[in-house]
PDB file of N, CA and C in Angstrom:
ATOM      1  N   MET A   1    -150.877 -79.700 -78.443  1.00  0.00           N
ATOM      2  CA  MET A   1    -149.794 -80.582 -78.447  1.00  0.00           C
ATOM      3  C   MET A   1    -149.534 -81.105 -79.806  1.00  0.00           C
ATOM      4  N   VAL A   2    -148.315 -80.864 -80.285  1.00  0.00           N
ATOM      5  CA  VAL A   2    -147.964 -81.546 -81.635  1.00  0.00           C
ATOM      6  C   VAL A   2    -147.174 -82.705 -81.397  1.00  0.00           C
ATOM      7  N   SER A   3    -147.751 -83.774 -82.065  1.00  0.00           N
ATOM      8  CA  SER A   3    -147.162 -85.110 -81.891  1.00  0.00           C
ATOM      9  C   SER A   3    -146.157 -85.421 -83.059  1.00  0.00           C
ATOM     10  N   VAL A   4    -145.067 -85.568 -82.875  1.00  0.00           N
ATOM     11  CA  VAL A   4    -144.137 -86.042 -83.948  1.00  0.00           C
ATOM     12  C   VAL A   4    -143.607 -87.486 -83.670  1.00  0.00           C
ATOM     13  N   GLU A   5    -143.741 -88.036 -84.562  1.00  0.00           N
ATOM     14  CA  GLU A   5    -143.324 -89.639 -84.645  1.00  0.00           C
ATOM     15  C   GLU A   5    -142.157 -89.782 -85.853  1.00  0.00           C
ATOM     16  N   VAL A   6    -140.999 -90.593 -85.257  1.00  0.00           N
ATOM     17  CA  VAL A   6    -140.027 -90.807 -85.933  1.00  0.00           C
ATOM     18  C   VAL A   6    -139.637 -92.219 -85.995  1.00  0.00           C
ATOM     19  N   CYS A   7    -139.652 -92.730 -87.219  1.00  0.00           N
ATOM     20  CA  CYS A   7    -139.423 -94.199 -87.352  1.00  0.00           C
ATOM     21  C   CYS A   7    -137.967 -94.509 -86.968  1.00  0.00           C
ATOM     22  N   ILE A   8    -137.838 -95.689 -85.960  1.00  0.00           N
ATOM     23  CA  ILE A   8    -136.505 -95.978 -85.600  1.00  0.00           C
ATOM     24  C   ILE A   8    -136.257 -97.431 -85.992  1.00  0.00           C
ATOM     25  N   GLY A   9    -137.051 -97.822 -86.966  1.00  0.00           N
ATOM     26  CA  GLY A   9    -136.872 -99.100 -87.446  1.00  0.00           C
ATOM     27  C   GLY A   9    -135.509 -99.251 -88.306  1.00  0.00           C
ATOM     28  N   SER A  10    -135.139-100.323 -88.479  1.00  0.00           N
ATOM     29  CA  SER A  10    -133.792-100.509 -88.961  1.00  0.00           C
ATOM     30  C   SER A  10    -133.332 -99.798 -90.290  1.00  0.00           C
ATOM     31  N   ALA A  11    -134.185 -99.955 -91.116  1.00  0.00           N
ATOM     32  CA  ALA A  11    -133.985 -99.302 -92.573  1.00  0.00           C
ATOM     33  C   ALA A  11    -133.864 -97.754 -92.223  1.00  0.00           C
ATOM     34  N   CYS A  12    -134.776 -97.096 -91.444  1.00  0.00           N
ATOM     35  CA  CYS A  12    -134.766 -95.808 -91.292  1.00  0.00           C
ATOM     36  C   CYS A  12    -133.610 -95.280 -90.490  1.00  0.00           C
ATOM     37  N   TYR A  13    -133.284 -96.175 -89.598  1.00  0.00           N
ATOM     38  CA  TYR A  13    -132.087 -95.894 -88.734  1.00  0.00           C
ATOM     39  C   TYR A  13    -130.925 -95.675 -89.501  1.00  0.00           C
ATOM     40  N   VAL A  14    -130.649 -96.688 -90.338  1.00  0.00           N
ATOM     41  CA  VAL A  14    -129.492 -96.750 -91.258  1.00  0.00           C
ATOM     42  C   VAL A  14    -129.350 -95.541 -92.215  1.00  0.00           C
ATOM     43  N   LYS A  15    -130.666 -94.984 -92.404  1.00  0.00           N
ATOM     44  CA  LYS A  15    -130.776 -93.674 -93.185  1.00  0.00           C
ATOM     45  C   LYS A  15    -130.701 -92.522 -92.513  1.00  0.00           C
ATOM     46  N   GLY A  16    -130.609 -92.593 -91.327  1.00  0.00           N
ATOM     47  CA  GLY A  16    -130.077 -91.338 -90.388  1.00  0.00           C
ATOM     48  C   GLY A  16    -131.295 -90.849 -89.458  1.00  0.00           C
ATOM     49  N   SER A  17    -132.210 -91.691 -89.153  1.00  0.00           N
ATOM     50  CA  SER A  17    -133.436 -91.315 -88.329  1.00  0.00           C
ATOM     51  C   SER A  17    -132.785 -91.109 -86.853  1.00  0.00           C
ATOM     52  N   SER A  18    -131.679 -91.553 -86.285  1.00  0.00           N
ATOM     53  CA  SER A  18    -131.297 -91.462 -85.117  1.00  0.00           C
ATOM     54  C   SER A  18    -130.781 -89.812 -84.947  1.00  0.00           C
ATOM     55  N   GLN A  19    -130.209 -89.551 -86.054  1.00  0.00           N
ATOM     56  CA  GLN A  19    -129.584 -88.119 -86.169  1.00  0.00           C
ATOM     57  C   GLN A  19    -130.668 -87.181 -86.245  1.00  0.00           C
ATOM     58  N   VAL A  20    -131.734 -87.501 -86.851  1.00  0.00           N
ATOM     59  CA  VAL A  20    -132.924 -86.426 -86.915  1.00  0.00           C
ATOM     60  C   VAL A  20    -133.574 -86.377 -85.776  1.00  0.00           C
ATOM     61  N   VAL A  21    -133.603 -87.525 -84.904  1.00  0.00           N
ATOM     62  CA  VAL A  21    -134.244 -87.328 -83.687  1.00  0.00           C
ATOM     63  C   VAL A  21    -133.371 -86.563 -82.719  1.00  0.00           C
ATOM     64  N   GLN A  22    -132.097 -86.579 -82.593  1.00  0.00           N
ATOM     65  CA  GLN A  22    -130.978 -85.747 -82.202  1.00  0.00           C
ATOM     66  C   GLN A  22    -131.343 -84.080 -82.523  1.00  0.00           C
ATOM     67  N   GLU A  23    -131.419 -83.849 -83.886  1.00  0.00           N
ATOM     68  CA  GLU A  23    -131.607 -82.822 -84.375  1.00  0.00           C
ATOM     69  C   GLU A  23    -133.098 -82.054 -83.917  1.00  0.00           C
ATOM     70  N   LEU A  24    -134.103 -82.948 -83.855  1.00  0.00           N
ATOM     71  CA  LEU A  24    -135.333 -82.468 -83.515  1.00  0.00           C
ATOM     72  C   LEU A  24    -135.494 -82.248 -82.000  1.00  0.00           C
ATOM     73  N   ASN A  25    -134.671 -82.850 -81.050  1.00  0.00           N
ATOM     74  CA  ASN A  25    -134.505 -82.530 -79.748  1.00  0.00           C
ATOM     75  C   ASN A  25    -133.703 -81.170 -79.602  1.00  0.00           C
ATOM     76  N   GLN A  26    -132.854 -80.983 -80.251  1.00  0.00           N
ATOM     77  CA  GLN A  26    -132.244 -79.536 -80.439  1.00  0.00           C
ATOM     78  C   GLN A  26    -133.057 -78.547 -80.650  1.00  0.00           C
ATOM     79  N   LEU A  27    -133.822 -78.855 -81.796  1.00  0.00           N
ATOM     80  CA  LEU A  27    -134.897 -77.854 -82.402  1.00  0.00           C
ATOM     81  C   LEU A  27    -135.898 -77.409 -81.428  1.00  0.00           C
ATOM     82  N   ILE A  28    -136.450 -78.443 -80.597  1.00  0.00           N
ATOM     83  CA  ILE A  28    -137.490 -78.394 -79.552  1.00  0.00           C
ATOM     84  C   ILE A  28    -136.947 -77.393 -78.529  1.00  0.00           C
ATOM     85  N   ALA A  29    -135.739 -77.740 -78.076  1.00  0.00           N
ATOM     86  CA  ALA A  29    -135.117 -76.827 -76.931  1.00  0.00           C
ATOM     87  C   ALA A  29    -134.729 -75.636 -77.379  1.00  0.00           C
ATOM     88  N   GLU A  30    -134.240 -75.292 -78.677  1.00  0.00           N
ATOM     89  CA  GLU A  30    -133.913 -73.767 -79.204  1.00  0.00           C
ATOM     90  C   GLU A  30    -135.061 -73.059 -79.363  1.00  0.00           C
ATOM     91  N   ASN A  31    -136.280 -73.707 -79.564  1.00  0.00           N
ATOM     92  CA  ASN A  31    -137.612 -72.670 -79.608  1.00  0.00           C
ATOM     93  C   ASN A  31    -138.443 -72.909 -78.524  1.00  0.00           C
ATOM     94  N   GLY A  32    -138.042 -73.448 -77.362  1.00  0.00           N
ATOM     95  CA  GLY A  32    -138.883 -73.607 -76.389  1.00  0.00           C
ATOM     96  C   GLY A  32    -140.245 -74.322 -76.303  1.00  0.00           C
ATOM     97  N   TRP A  33    -140.047 -75.247 -77.307  1.00  0.00           N
ATOM     98  CA  TRP A  33    -141.316 -76.224 -77.693  1.00  0.00           C
ATOM     99  C   TRP A  33    -141.437 -77.310 -76.580  1.00  0.00           C
ATOM    100  N   GLN A  34    -140.894 -77.347 -75.510  1.00  0.00           N
ATOM    101  CA  GLN A  34    -140.863 -78.679 -74.675  1.00  0.00           C
ATOM    102  C   GLN A  34    -142.239 -78.853 -74.227  1.00  0.00           C
ATOM    103  N   ASP A  35    -143.256 -77.888 -74.012  1.00  0.00           N
ATOM    104  CA  ASP A  35    -144.484 -78.126 -73.637  1.00  0.00           C
ATOM    105  C   ASP A  35    -145.494 -78.238 -74.720  1.00  0.00           C
ATOM    106  N   LYS A  36    -144.836 -78.120 -75.879  1.00  0.00           N
ATOM    107  CA  LYS A  36    -145.814 -77.928 -77.116  1.00  0.00           C
ATOM    108  C   LYS A  36    -145.709 -79.080 -78.190  1.00  0.00           C
ATOM    109  N   VAL A  37    -144.561 -79.850 -78.018  1.00  0.00           N
ATOM    110  CA  VAL A  37    -144.191 -80.865 -78.970  1.00  0.00           C
ATOM    111  C   VAL A  37    -143.783 -82.125 -78.260  1.00  0.00           C
ATOM    112  N   GLU A  38    -144.488 -83.081 -78.606  1.00  0.00           N
ATOM    113  CA  GLU A  38    -144.345 -84.505 -78.149  1.00  0.00           C
ATOM    114  C   GLU A  38    -143.635 -85.407 -79.146  1.00  0.00           C
ATOM    115  N   LEU A  39    -142.434 -85.738 -78.870  1.00  0.00           N
ATOM    116  CA  LEU A  39    -141.456 -86.647 -79.703  1.00  0.00           C
ATOM    117  C   LEU A  39    -141.665 -88.076 -79.431  1.00  0.00           C
ATOM    118  N   LYS A  40    -141.870 -89.018 -80.302  1.00  0.00           N
ATOM    119  CA  LYS A  40    -142.015 -90.272 -79.912  1.00  0.00           C
ATOM    120  C   LYS A  40    -141.322 -91.239 -81.058  1.00  0.00           C
ATOM    121  N   GLY A  41    -140.628 -92.165 -80.739  1.00  0.00           N
ATOM    122  CA  GLY A  41    -140.250 -93.377 -81.736  1.00  0.00           C
ATOM    123  C   GLY A  41    -141.414 -94.026 -82.149  1.00  0.00           C
ATOM    124  N   ALA A  42    -141.116 -94.513 -83.422  1.00  0.00           N
ATOM    125  CA  ALA A  42    -142.142 -95.635 -84.098  1.00  0.00           C
ATOM    126  C   ALA A  42    -141.567 -96.500 -84.659  1.00  0.00           C
ATOM    127  N   PHE A  43    -142.101 -97.697 -84.937  1.00  0.00           N
ATOM    128  CA  PHE A  43    -141.625 -98.587 -85.775  1.00  0.00           C
ATOM    129  C   PHE A  43    -142.023 -98.498 -87.129  1.00  0.00           C
ATOM    130  N   CYS A  44    -141.657 -99.326 -88.142  1.00  0.00           N
ATOM    131  CA  CYS A  44    -142.034 -99.285 -89.564  1.00  0.00           C
ATOM    132  C   CYS A  44    -143.084 -98.466 -89.982  1.00  0.00           C
ATOM    133  N   MET A  45    -143.093 -97.447 -90.777  1.00  0.00           N
ATOM    134  CA  MET A  45    -144.078 -96.813 -91.345  1.00  0.00           C
ATOM    135  C   MET A  45    -144.251 -97.246 -92.607  1.00  0.00           C
ATOM    136  N   LYS A  46    -143.393 -97.990 -93.212  1.00  0.00           N
ATOM    137  CA  LYS A  46    -143.398 -98.311 -94.686  1.00  0.00           C
ATOM    138  C   LYS A  46    -143.058 -97.302 -95.568  1.00  0.00           C
ATOM    139  N   SER A  47    -142.292 -96.214 -95.011  1.00  0.00           N
ATOM    140  CA  SER A  47    -141.970 -95.035 -95.734  1.00  0.00           C
ATOM    141  C   SER A  47    -140.818 -95.282 -96.616  1.00  0.00           C
ATOM    142  N   CYS A  48    -139.775 -96.071 -96.232  1.00  0.00           N
ATOM    143  CA  CYS A  48    -138.673 -96.290 -97.147  1.00  0.00           C
ATOM    144  C   CYS A  48    -138.966 -97.333 -98.177  1.00  0.00           C
ATOM    145  N   GLN A  49    -139.861 -98.320 -97.857  1.00  0.00           N
ATOM    146  CA  GLN A  49    -140.524 -99.321 -98.857  1.00  0.00           C
ATOM    147  C   GLN A  49    -141.066 -98.687 -99.982  1.00  0.00           C
ATOM    148  N   ASN A  50    -141.890 -97.590 -99.611  1.00  0.00           N
ATOM    149  CA  ASN A  50    -142.732 -96.868-100.745  1.00  0.00           C
ATOM    150  C   ASN A  50    -142.006 -95.697-101.193  1.00  0.00           C
ATOM    151  N   HIS A  51    -140.558 -95.624-100.942  1.00  0.00           N
ATOM    152  CA  HIS A  51    -139.726 -94.615-101.632  1.00  0.00           C
ATOM    153  C   HIS A  51    -140.215 -93.111-101.126  1.00  0.00           C
ATOM    154  N   LEU A  52    -140.541 -93.006 -99.869  1.00  0.00           N
ATOM    155  CA  LEU A  52    -141.226 -91.826 -99.442  1.00  0.00           C
ATOM    156  C   LEU A  52    -140.221 -90.897 -98.652  1.00  0.00           C
ATOM    157  N   GLY A  53    -139.077 -91.571 -98.327  1.00  0.00           N
ATOM    158  CA  GLY A  53    -138.032 -90.883 -97.405  1.00  0.00           C
ATOM    159  C   GLY A  53    -138.191 -91.488 -96.115  1.00  0.00           C
ATOM    160  N   LEU A  54    -137.467 -90.821 -95.119  1.00  0.00           N
ATOM    161  CA  LEU A  54    -137.516 -91.314 -93.640  1.00  0.00           C
ATOM    162  C   LEU A  54    -138.902 -91.338 -93.156  1.00  0.00           C
ATOM    163  N   GLY A  55    -139.245 -92.178 -92.296  1.00  0.00           N
ATOM    164  CA  GLY A  55    -140.642 -92.361 -91.614  1.00  0.00           C
ATOM    165  C   GLY A  55    -140.778 -91.316 -90.613  1.00  0.00           C
ATOM    166  N   ILE A  56    -141.756 -90.191 -90.946  1.00  0.00           N
ATOM    167  CA  ILE A  56    -141.927 -89.197 -90.002  1.00  0.00           C
ATOM    168  C   ILE A  56    -143.398 -88.772 -90.138  1.00  0.00           C
ATOM    169  N   ARG A  57    -144.016 -88.575 -89.169  1.00  0.00           N
ATOM    170  CA  ARG A  57    -145.343 -88.206 -89.058  1.00  0.00           C
ATOM    171  C   ARG A  57    -145.637 -87.177 -88.220  1.00  0.00           C
ATOM    172  N   VAL A  58    -146.392 -86.076 -88.376  1.00  0.00           N
ATOM    173  CA  VAL A  58    -146.776 -84.970 -87.612  1.00  0.00           C
ATOM    174  C   VAL A  58    -148.030 -84.906 -87.405  1.00  0.00           C
ATOM    175  N   ASN A  59    -148.536 -85.074 -86.200  1.00  0.00           N
ATOM    176  CA  ASN A  59    -150.044 -85.008 -86.024  1.00  0.00           C
ATOM    177  C   ASN A  59    -150.818 -86.048 -86.767  1.00  0.00           C
ATOM    178  N   GLY A  60    -149.941 -87.251 -86.918  1.00  0.00           N
ATOM    179  CA  GLY A  60    -150.797 -88.346 -87.863  1.00  0.00           C
ATOM    180  C   GLY A  60    -150.431 -88.119 -89.398  1.00  0.00           C
ATOM    181  N   LYS A  61    -150.019 -87.082 -89.742  1.00  0.00           N
ATOM    182  CA  LYS A  61    -149.719 -86.831 -91.226  1.00  0.00           C
ATOM    183  C   LYS A  61    -148.472 -87.383 -91.683  1.00  0.00           C
ATOM    184  N   GLN A  62    -148.216 -88.415 -92.454  1.00  0.00           N
ATOM    185  CA  GLN A  62    -147.034 -88.907 -93.126  1.00  0.00           C
ATOM    186  C   GLN A  62    -146.491 -87.691 -94.141  1.00  0.00           C
ATOM    187  N   LEU A  63    -145.356 -87.321 -93.619  1.00  0.00           N
ATOM    188  CA  LEU A  63    -144.449 -86.553 -94.387  1.00  0.00           C
ATOM    189  C   LEU A  63    -143.766 -87.209 -95.532  1.00  0.00           C
ATOM    190  N   THR A  64    -143.330 -86.694 -96.631  1.00  0.00           N
ATOM    191  CA  THR A  64    -142.676 -87.353 -97.611  1.00  0.00           C
ATOM    192  C   THR A  64    -141.383 -86.522 -98.176  1.00  0.00           C
ATOM    193  N   GLY A  65    -140.775 -87.347 -98.650  1.00  0.00           N
ATOM    194  CA  GLY A  65    -139.412 -86.581 -99.111  1.00  0.00           C
ATOM    195  C   GLY A  65    -138.334 -86.174 -98.039  1.00  0.00           C
ATOM    196  N   ILE A  66    -138.554 -86.612 -96.871  1.00  0.00           N
ATOM    197  CA  ILE A  66    -137.601 -86.309 -95.699  1.00  0.00           C
ATOM    198  C   ILE A  66    -136.367 -87.225 -95.906  1.00  0.00           C
ATOM    199  N   THR A  67    -135.370 -86.423 -95.608  1.00  0.00           N
ATOM    200  CA  THR A  67    -133.984 -86.996 -95.686  1.00  0.00           C
ATOM    201  C   THR A  67    -133.324 -86.569 -94.456  1.00  0.00           C
ATOM    202  N   MET A  68    -132.072 -87.104 -94.311  1.00  0.00           N
ATOM    203  CA  MET A  68    -131.416 -86.608 -92.932  1.00  0.00           C
ATOM    204  C   MET A  68    -130.893 -85.167 -93.172  1.00  0.00           C
ATOM    205  N   GLN A  69    -130.696 -84.714 -94.483  1.00  0.00           N
ATOM    206  CA  GLN A  69    -130.313 -83.483 -94.826  1.00  0.00           C
ATOM    207  C   GLN A  69    -131.374 -82.408 -94.528  1.00  0.00           C
ATOM    208  N   ASN A  70    -132.479 -82.865 -94.996  1.00  0.00           N
ATOM    209  CA  ASN A  70    -133.486 -81.681 -94.927  1.00  0.00           C
ATOM    210  C   ASN A  70    -134.478 -81.716 -93.874  1.00  0.00           C
ATOM    211  N   ALA A  71    -134.590 -82.609 -92.919  1.00  0.00           N
ATOM    212  CA  ALA A  71    -135.364 -83.102 -92.081  1.00  0.00           C
ATOM    213  C   ALA A  71    -135.639 -81.876 -90.993  1.00  0.00           C
ATOM    214  N   LYS A  72    -134.427 -81.199 -90.487  1.00  0.00           N
ATOM    215  CA  LYS A  72    -134.697 -80.184 -89.361  1.00  0.00           C
ATOM    216  C   LYS A  72    -135.419 -78.902 -90.106  1.00  0.00           C
ATOM    217  N   ASP A  73    -135.224 -78.672 -91.386  1.00  0.00           N
ATOM    218  CA  ASP A  73    -135.745 -77.547 -91.984  1.00  0.00           C
ATOM    219  C   ASP A  73    -137.223 -77.836 -92.238  1.00  0.00           C
ATOM    220  N   VAL A  74    -137.645 -78.857 -92.598  1.00  0.00           N
ATOM    221  CA  VAL A  74    -139.045 -79.308 -93.008  1.00  0.00           C
ATOM    222  C   VAL A  74    -139.678 -79.434 -91.677  1.00  0.00           C
ATOM    223  N   LEU A  75    -139.178 -80.030 -90.684  1.00  0.00           N
ATOM    224  CA  LEU A  75    -139.853 -80.121 -89.456  1.00  0.00           C
ATOM    225  C   LEU A  75    -140.129 -78.853 -88.739  1.00  0.00           C
ATOM    226  N   GLN A  76    -139.274 -77.849 -88.729  1.00  0.00           N
ATOM    227  CA  GLN A  76    -139.359 -76.428 -88.211  1.00  0.00           C
ATOM    228  C   GLN A  76    -140.484 -75.987 -88.820  1.00  0.00           C
ATOM    229  N   LYS A  77    -140.570 -76.030 -90.274  1.00  0.00           N
ATOM    230  CA  LYS A  77    -141.673 -75.415 -90.924  1.00  0.00           C
ATOM    231  C   LYS A  77    -143.140 -76.019 -90.541  1.00  0.00           C
ATOM    232  N   GLU A  78    -143.121 -77.269 -90.358  1.00  0.00           N
ATOM    233  CA  GLU A  78    -144.342 -77.946 -90.279  1.00  0.00           C
ATOM    234  C   GLU A  78    -144.788 -77.756 -88.824  1.00  0.00           C
ATOM    235  N   ILE A  79    -143.820 -77.831 -87.866  1.00  0.00           N
ATOM    236  CA  ILE A  79    -144.261 -77.518 -86.354  1.00  0.00           C
ATOM    237  C   ILE A  79    -144.640 -76.266 -86.058  1.00  0.00           C
ATOM    238  N   SER A  80    -143.949 -75.251 -86.624  1.00  0.00           N
ATOM    239  CA  SER A  80    -144.198 -73.700 -86.485  1.00  0.00           C
ATOM    240  C   SER A  80    -145.566 -73.350 -87.062  1.00  0.00           C
ATOM    241  N   ALA A  81    -145.756 -74.110 -88.176  1.00  0.00           N
ATOM    242  CA  ALA A  81    -147.352 -73.846 -88.654  1.00  0.00           C
ATOM    243  C   ALA A  81    -148.442 -74.146 -87.691  1.00  0.00           C
ATOM    244  N   LEU A  82    -148.137 -75.340 -86.946  1.00  0.00           N
ATOM    245  CA  LEU A  82    -149.125 -75.881 -86.170  1.00  0.00           C
ATOM    246  C   LEU A  82    -149.142 -75.233 -84.876  1.00  0.00           C
ATOM    247  N   ILE A  83    -147.948 -74.695 -84.327  1.00  0.00           N
ATOM    248  CA  ILE A  83    -148.032 -73.941 -83.079  1.00  0.00           C
ATOM    249  C   ILE A  83    -148.542 -72.588 -83.224  1.00  0.00           C
ATOM    250  N   SER A  84    -148.248 -71.900 -84.365  1.00  0.00           N
ATOM    251  CA  SER A  84    -148.750 -70.469 -84.579  1.00  0.00           C
ATOM    252  C   SER A  84    -150.142 -70.460 -84.301  1.00  0.00           C
TER     253      SER A  84
END
């Protein structure tokens, strides 16, 4: 099971983390990953404070450079690599 955590703290929320959650849910459904990906909300990962982008971890690995615009593509690549 791939674990994906998305920060829903106030700063990341303002930067679009709620939209990323919606897109990720759509991505999971489109690819039939319901039994393979666990999506969780998390509070402050200090990503935005450290200028790393939105706070997102995949299997505990902090992703960097994530924005609302590139999140879906980056997450699809990350998750696909782990599921294959």
